[in-house]
PDB file of N, CA and C in Angstrom:
ATOM      1  N   MET A   1     113.811 105.393  88.349  1.00  0.00           N
ATOM      2  CA  MET A   1     113.983 106.374  89.050  1.00  0.00           C
ATOM      3  C   MET A   1     115.131 105.831  90.486  1.00  0.00           C
ATOM      4  N   ARG A   2     114.596 104.502  90.652  1.00  0.00           N
ATOM      5  CA  ARG A   2     115.469 103.974  92.004  1.00  0.00           C
ATOM      6  C   ARG A   2     117.033 103.851  91.752  1.00  0.00           C
ATOM      7  N   GLU A   3     117.008 103.431  90.402  1.00  0.00           N
ATOM      8  CA  GLU A   3     118.446 103.887  90.034  1.00  0.00           C
ATOM      9  C   GLU A   3     119.562 105.239  90.249  1.00  0.00           C
ATOM     10  N   ALA A   4     118.932 106.176  89.992  1.00  0.00           N
ATOM     11  CA  ALA A   4     119.359 107.914  89.948  1.00  0.00           C
ATOM     12  C   ALA A   4     119.002 108.176  91.707  1.00  0.00           C
ATOM     13  N   PHE A   5     117.914 107.455  92.284  1.00  0.00           N
ATOM     14  CA  PHE A   5     117.805 108.003  93.392  1.00  0.00           C
ATOM     15  C   PHE A   5     118.059 106.942  94.804  1.00  0.00           C
ATOM     16  N   GLY A   6     118.082 105.761  94.487  1.00  0.00           N
ATOM     17  CA  GLY A   6     118.004 104.591  95.250  1.00  0.00           C
ATOM     18  C   GLY A   6     116.410 104.562  96.193  1.00  0.00           C
ATOM     19  N   ASP A   7     116.974 105.024  97.387  1.00  0.00           N
ATOM     20  CA  ASP A   7     115.552 104.767  98.290  1.00  0.00           C
ATOM     21  C   ASP A   7     114.680 105.933  98.190  1.00  0.00           C
ATOM     22  N   ILE A   8     113.337 105.855  97.687  1.00  0.00           N
ATOM     23  CA  ILE A   8     112.271 106.586  97.626  1.00  0.00           C
ATOM     24  C   ILE A   8     111.336 106.807  98.190  1.00  0.00           C
ATOM     25  N   THR A   9     110.455 107.765  99.123  1.00  0.00           N
ATOM     26  CA  THR A   9     109.164 107.291  99.829  1.00  0.00           C
ATOM     27  C   THR A   9     108.604 108.350  99.045  1.00  0.00           C
ATOM     28  N   TRP A  10     107.102 107.868  99.520  1.00  0.00           N
ATOM     29  CA  TRP A  10     106.080 108.426  98.647  1.00  0.00           C
ATOM     30  C   TRP A  10     104.783 108.842  99.897  1.00  0.00           C
ATOM     31  N   GLU A  11     104.399 110.075 100.255  1.00  0.00           N
ATOM     32  CA  GLU A  11     103.487 109.947 101.243  1.00  0.00           C
ATOM     33  C   GLU A  11     102.585 110.765 101.147  1.00  0.00           C
ATOM     34  N   PRO A  12     101.348 110.363 101.225  1.00  0.00           N
ATOM     35  CA  PRO A  12      99.803 111.151 100.872  1.00  0.00           C
ATOM     36  C   PRO A  12     100.256 112.008 102.062  1.00  0.00           C
ATOM     37  N   ARG A  13      99.835 113.358 101.311  1.00  0.00           N
ATOM     38  CA  ARG A  13      99.569 114.340 102.740  1.00  0.00           C
ATOM     39  C   ARG A  13      98.158 115.050 102.196  1.00  0.00           C
ATOM     40  N   GLU A  14      97.551 115.224 101.122  1.00  0.00           N
ATOM     41  CA  GLU A  14      96.148 115.650 101.036  1.00  0.00           C
ATOM     42  C   GLU A  14      95.519 114.739 100.053  1.00  0.00           C
ATOM     43  N   ILE A  15      94.303 114.401 100.120  1.00  0.00           N
ATOM     44  CA  ILE A  15      93.207 113.857  99.604  1.00  0.00           C
ATOM     45  C   ILE A  15      92.078 114.286  99.507  1.00  0.00           C
ATOM     46  N   VAL A  16      92.017 114.850  97.748  1.00  0.00           N
ATOM     47  CA  VAL A  16      90.698 115.747  97.608  1.00  0.00           C
ATOM     48  C   VAL A  16      89.804 114.720  96.775  1.00  0.00           C
ATOM     49  N   ASP A  17      88.659 114.114  97.208  1.00  0.00           N
ATOM     50  CA  ASP A  17      87.615 113.254  96.600  1.00  0.00           C
ATOM     51  C   ASP A  17      86.798 114.468  95.357  1.00  0.00           C
ATOM     52  N   LEU A  18      86.567 114.217  94.069  1.00  0.00           N
ATOM     53  CA  LEU A  18      86.320 114.890  93.214  1.00  0.00           C
ATOM     54  C   LEU A  18      85.278 114.084  92.700  1.00  0.00           C
ATOM     55  N   GLY A  19      84.528 113.075  93.095  1.00  0.00           N
ATOM     56  CA  GLY A  19      83.693 112.222  93.014  1.00  0.00           C
ATOM     57  C   GLY A  19      84.134 110.734  91.765  1.00  0.00           C
ATOM     58  N   ASP A  20      84.502 110.974  90.458  1.00  0.00           N
ATOM     59  CA  ASP A  20      85.069 110.157  90.111  1.00  0.00           C
ATOM     60  C   ASP A  20      86.404 110.475  89.556  1.00  0.00           C
ATOM     61  N   ARG A  21      86.934 111.348  90.661  1.00  0.00           N
ATOM     62  CA  ARG A  21      88.539 111.169  90.223  1.00  0.00           C
ATOM     63  C   ARG A  21      89.162 111.792  91.398  1.00  0.00           C
ATOM     64  N   VAL A  22      90.254 111.238  92.124  1.00  0.00           N
ATOM     65  CA  VAL A  22      90.783 111.614  93.465  1.00  0.00           C
ATOM     66  C   VAL A  22      92.156 112.213  93.107  1.00  0.00           C
ATOM     67  N   LEU A  23      92.138 113.351  93.998  1.00  0.00           N
ATOM     68  CA  LEU A  23      93.542 114.418  93.724  1.00  0.00           C
ATOM     69  C   LEU A  23      94.121 113.956  95.220  1.00  0.00           C
ATOM     70  N   VAL A  24      95.751 113.901  94.912  1.00  0.00           N
ATOM     71  CA  VAL A  24      96.652 113.914  95.996  1.00  0.00           C
ATOM     72  C   VAL A  24      97.215 114.442  96.429  1.00  0.00           C
ATOM     73  N   ARG A  25      98.103 115.209  97.227  1.00  0.00           N
ATOM     74  CA  ARG A  25      99.207 115.715  97.187  1.00  0.00           C
ATOM     75  C   ARG A  25     100.064 114.744  97.904  1.00  0.00           C
ATOM     76  N   VAL A  26     101.162 114.309  96.992  1.00  0.00           N
ATOM     77  CA  VAL A  26     101.840 113.407  97.894  1.00  0.00           C
ATOM     78  C   VAL A  26     103.150 113.956  97.794  1.00  0.00           C
ATOM     79  N   HIS A  27     104.264 113.250  99.095  1.00  0.00           N
ATOM     80  CA  HIS A  27     105.359 114.125  99.540  1.00  0.00           C
ATOM     81  C   HIS A  27     106.629 113.425  99.060  1.00  0.00           C
ATOM     82  N   LEU A  28     107.073 113.777  98.519  1.00  0.00           N
ATOM     83  CA  LEU A  28     108.467 112.402  97.587  1.00  0.00           C
ATOM     84  C   LEU A  28     109.682 112.618  98.209  1.00  0.00           C
ATOM     85  N   SER A  29     110.388 112.131  99.008  1.00  0.00           N
ATOM     86  CA  SER A  29     111.812 112.160  99.827  1.00  0.00           C
ATOM     87  C   SER A  29     112.718 111.056  98.872  1.00  0.00           C
ATOM     88  N   ALA A  30     113.558 111.681  98.908  1.00  0.00           N
ATOM     89  CA  ALA A  30     114.591 110.724  97.776  1.00  0.00           C
ATOM     90  C   ALA A  30     116.326 111.309  98.168  1.00  0.00           C
ATOM     91  N   LYS A  31     117.250 110.864  98.242  1.00  0.00           N
ATOM     92  CA  LYS A  31     118.659 111.239  98.135  1.00  0.00           C
ATOM     93  C   LYS A  31     119.196 110.531  96.800  1.00  0.00           C
ATOM     94  N   GLY A  32     119.982 111.688  96.137  1.00  0.00           N
ATOM     95  CA  GLY A  32     120.669 111.273  94.800  1.00  0.00           C
ATOM     96  C   GLY A  32     121.542 110.301  94.988  1.00  0.00           C
ATOM     97  N   GLN A  33     121.641 108.555  94.443  1.00  0.00           N
ATOM     98  CA  GLN A  33     122.717 107.985  94.537  1.00  0.00           C
ATOM     99  C   GLN A  33     123.931 108.522  94.261  1.00  0.00           C
ATOM    100  N   ARG A  34     124.486 109.016  93.292  1.00  0.00           N
ATOM    101  CA  ARG A  34     125.678 109.885  93.396  1.00  0.00           C
ATOM    102  C   ARG A  34     126.050 110.646  94.023  1.00  0.00           C
ATOM    103  N   THR A  35     125.032 111.720  94.185  1.00  0.00           N
ATOM    104  CA  THR A  35     125.409 112.914  94.668  1.00  0.00           C
ATOM    105  C   THR A  35     125.168 113.280  96.501  1.00  0.00           C
ATOM    106  N   ALA A  36     124.173 112.247  96.503  1.00  0.00           N
ATOM    107  CA  ALA A  36     123.551 112.294  97.920  1.00  0.00           C
ATOM    108  C   ALA A  36     122.769 113.401  98.394  1.00  0.00           C
ATOM    109  N   LEU A  37     122.567 114.391  97.480  1.00  0.00           N
ATOM    110  CA  LEU A  37     121.661 115.304  97.622  1.00  0.00           C
ATOM    111  C   LEU A  37     120.339 115.320  97.737  1.00  0.00           C
ATOM    112  N   PRO A  38     119.817 115.762  98.960  1.00  0.00           N
ATOM    113  CA  PRO A  38     118.396 115.169  99.212  1.00  0.00           C
ATOM    114  C   PRO A  38     117.568 115.883  98.414  1.00  0.00           C
ATOM    115  N   ILE A  39     115.992 115.506  98.375  1.00  0.00           N
ATOM    116  CA  ILE A  39     115.269 116.048  97.388  1.00  0.00           C
ATOM    117  C   ILE A  39     114.053 115.482  98.149  1.00  0.00           C
ATOM    118  N   GLU A  40     113.219 116.765  98.436  1.00  0.00           N
ATOM    119  CA  GLU A  40     111.981 117.107  99.179  1.00  0.00           C
ATOM    120  C   GLU A  40     111.154 117.870  98.420  1.00  0.00           C
ATOM    121  N   GLU A  41     109.785 117.234  97.824  1.00  0.00           N
ATOM    122  CA  GLU A  41     109.007 118.060  97.060  1.00  0.00           C
ATOM    123  C   GLU A  41     107.688 117.145  97.208  1.00  0.00           C
ATOM    124  N   ASP A  42     106.448 118.344  96.982  1.00  0.00           N
ATOM    125  CA  ASP A  42     105.258 117.576  96.960  1.00  0.00           C
ATOM    126  C   ASP A  42     104.634 117.939  95.446  1.00  0.00           C
ATOM    127  N   ILE A  43     104.193 116.728  94.943  1.00  0.00           N
ATOM    128  CA  ILE A  43     104.031 116.253  93.271  1.00  0.00           C
ATOM    129  C   ILE A  43     102.355 116.223  93.716  1.00  0.00           C
ATOM    130  N   GLY A  44     101.705 116.036  92.329  1.00  0.00           N
ATOM    131  CA  GLY A  44     100.166 115.675  92.297  1.00  0.00           C
ATOM    132  C   GLY A  44      99.822 114.555  91.731  1.00  0.00           C
ATOM    133  N   HIS A  45      99.423 113.740  92.387  1.00  0.00           N
ATOM    134  CA  HIS A  45      98.389 112.611  91.843  1.00  0.00           C
ATOM    135  C   HIS A  45      97.084 112.532  91.421  1.00  0.00           C
ATOM    136  N   ILE A  46      96.549 112.238  89.891  1.00  0.00           N
ATOM    137  CA  ILE A  46      95.495 111.982  90.078  1.00  0.00           C
ATOM    138  C   ILE A  46      94.589 110.915  89.677  1.00  0.00           C
ATOM    139  N   TYR A  47      94.029 110.365  90.548  1.00  0.00           N
ATOM    140  CA  TYR A  47      93.325 108.932  89.847  1.00  0.00           C
ATOM    141  C   TYR A  47      92.083 109.083  89.705  1.00  0.00           C
ATOM    142  N   THR A  48      92.203 108.556  88.250  1.00  0.00           N
ATOM    143  CA  THR A  48      90.269 108.302  87.929  1.00  0.00           C
ATOM    144  C   THR A  48      89.806 107.122  88.073  1.00  0.00           C
ATOM    145  N   LEU A  49      88.818 106.986  88.863  1.00  0.00           N
ATOM    146  CA  LEU A  49      88.235 105.995  88.933  1.00  0.00           C
ATOM    147  C   LEU A  49      86.641 105.421  88.352  1.00  0.00           C
ATOM    148  N   ASN A  50      86.657 103.735  88.241  1.00  0.00           N
ATOM    149  CA  ASN A  50      85.659 103.225  87.337  1.00  0.00           C
ATOM    150  C   ASN A  50      85.219 102.337  88.418  1.00  0.00           C
ATOM    151  N   GLU A  51      83.632 102.768  88.805  1.00  0.00           N
ATOM    152  CA  GLU A  51      83.245 101.680  89.918  1.00  0.00           C
ATOM    153  C   GLU A  51      84.264 101.486  91.552  1.00  0.00           C
ATOM    154  N   GLY A  52      84.637 102.334  91.778  1.00  0.00           N
ATOM    155  CA  GLY A  52      85.405 102.672  92.763  1.00  0.00           C
ATOM    156  C   GLY A  52      86.586 101.884  92.983  1.00  0.00           C
ATOM    157  N   LYS A  53      86.991 101.539  91.539  1.00  0.00           N
ATOM    158  CA  LYS A  53      88.492 101.352  91.017  1.00  0.00           C
ATOM    159  C   LYS A  53      89.455 101.886  90.439  1.00  0.00           C
ATOM    160  N   ALA A  54      90.873 102.304  90.899  1.00  0.00           N
ATOM    161  CA  ALA A  54      91.505 103.219  89.777  1.00  0.00           C
ATOM    162  C   ALA A  54      91.374 102.535  88.885  1.00  0.00           C
ATOM    163  N   VAL A  55      91.738 103.149  87.489  1.00  0.00           N
ATOM    164  CA  VAL A  55      91.625 103.043  86.172  1.00  0.00           C
ATOM    165  C   VAL A  55      92.946 103.504  85.414  1.00  0.00           C
ATOM    166  N   ARG A  56      93.130 104.525  86.038  1.00  0.00           N
ATOM    167  CA  ARG A  56      94.297 105.890  85.342  1.00  0.00           C
ATOM    168  C   ARG A  56      94.647 106.590  86.388  1.00  0.00           C
ATOM    169  N   LEU A  57      96.050 106.574  86.360  1.00  0.00           N
ATOM    170  CA  LEU A  57      97.105 107.714  87.203  1.00  0.00           C
ATOM    171  C   LEU A  57      97.759 108.497  86.383  1.00  0.00           C
ATOM    172  N   ASP A  58      97.470 109.706  86.743  1.00  0.00           N
ATOM    173  CA  ASP A  58      98.152 111.187  86.180  1.00  0.00           C
ATOM    174  C   ASP A  58      99.078 111.655  86.934  1.00  0.00           C
ATOM    175  N   ILE A  59     100.409 111.644  87.077  1.00  0.00           N
ATOM    176  CA  ILE A  59     101.501 112.117  87.898  1.00  0.00           C
ATOM    177  C   ILE A  59     101.870 113.988  87.346  1.00  0.00           C
ATOM    178  N   PHE A  60     101.660 114.554  88.465  1.00  0.00           N
ATOM    179  CA  PHE A  60     102.500 115.897  87.641  1.00  0.00           C
ATOM    180  C   PHE A  60     103.301 116.348  88.819  1.00  0.00           C
ATOM    181  N   ARG A  61     104.248 117.188  87.951  1.00  0.00           N
ATOM    182  CA  ARG A  61     105.884 117.295  88.384  1.00  0.00           C
ATOM    183  C   ARG A  61     105.152 118.439  89.977  1.00  0.00           C
ATOM    184  N   THR A  62     103.970 119.114  89.748  1.00  0.00           N
ATOM    185  CA  THR A  62     103.484 119.760  91.271  1.00  0.00           C
ATOM    186  C   THR A  62     102.751 119.612  91.622  1.00  0.00           C
ATOM    187  N   TRP A  63     102.257 119.980  92.848  1.00  0.00           N
ATOM    188  CA  TRP A  63     101.061 120.033  93.561  1.00  0.00           C
ATOM    189  C   TRP A  63      99.665 120.885  92.793  1.00  0.00           C
ATOM    190  N   GLU A  64     100.633 122.353  92.486  1.00  0.00           N
ATOM    191  CA  GLU A  64      99.859 122.858  91.777  1.00  0.00           C
ATOM    192  C   GLU A  64      99.507 122.769  90.324  1.00  0.00           C
ATOM    193  N   GLU A  65     100.526 122.087  89.330  1.00  0.00           N
ATOM    194  CA  GLU A  65      99.940 121.420  88.264  1.00  0.00           C
ATOM    195  C   GLU A  65      98.790 120.496  87.889  1.00  0.00           C
ATOM    196  N   ALA A  66      98.767 119.572  89.100  1.00  0.00           N
ATOM    197  CA  ALA A  66      97.817 118.669  89.599  1.00  0.00           C
ATOM    198  C   ALA A  66      96.472 119.659  89.882  1.00  0.00           C
ATOM    199  N   ARG A  67      96.721 120.603  90.745  1.00  0.00           N
ATOM    200  CA  ARG A  67      95.203 120.929  91.047  1.00  0.00           C
ATOM    201  C   ARG A  67      94.771 121.848  89.806  1.00  0.00           C
ATOM    202  N   ARG A  68      95.434 122.516  89.022  1.00  0.00           N
ATOM    203  CA  ARG A  68      94.949 123.056  88.053  1.00  0.00           C
ATOM    204  C   ARG A  68      94.380 122.179  86.597  1.00  0.00           C
ATOM    205  N   ALA A  69      94.860 121.265  86.951  1.00  0.00           N
ATOM    206  CA  ALA A  69      94.436 120.019  86.031  1.00  0.00           C
ATOM    207  C   ALA A  69      93.294 119.572  86.183  1.00  0.00           C
ATOM    208  N   THR A  70      92.588 119.587  87.795  1.00  0.00           N
ATOM    209  CA  THR A  70      91.137 119.175  87.986  1.00  0.00           C
ATOM    210  C   THR A  70      89.991 119.855  87.492  1.00  0.00           C
ATOM    211  N   GLY A  71      90.589 121.263  87.129  1.00  0.00           N
ATOM    212  CA  GLY A  71      89.562 122.392  86.884  1.00  0.00           C
ATOM    213  C   GLY A  71      89.033 123.133  88.199  1.00  0.00           C
ATOM    214  N   PRO A  72      88.615 124.177  87.867  1.00  0.00           N
ATOM    215  CA  PRO A  72      87.562 125.109  88.963  1.00  0.00           C
ATOM    216  C   PRO A  72      87.278 124.150  89.961  1.00  0.00           C
ATOM    217  N   ARG A  73      87.100 124.540  91.333  1.00  0.00           N
ATOM    218  CA  ARG A  73      86.555 123.665  92.328  1.00  0.00           C
ATOM    219  C   ARG A  73      85.394 124.877  92.821  1.00  0.00           C
ATOM    220  N   GLU A  74      84.319 124.414  93.684  1.00  0.00           N
ATOM    221  CA  GLU A  74      83.964 125.235  94.475  1.00  0.00           C
ATOM    222  C   GLU A  74      84.518 125.675  95.831  1.00  0.00           C
TER     223      GLU A  74
END
């Protein structure tokens, strides 16, 4: 990704505790190396925890995809 976009920043915007998983809305900011076109979007991360430590990370292209992957919530 760094070859295509150079400097990339990821900023957590929302964190949802799901017990053994954590859903995080992450704001991605980057600029194309060749085109200089800016990219600003929210993506989703789901961390799976074991004994309080992250043992798996699933990355979703959109926040909504990540939310759907966690199943229905109250």
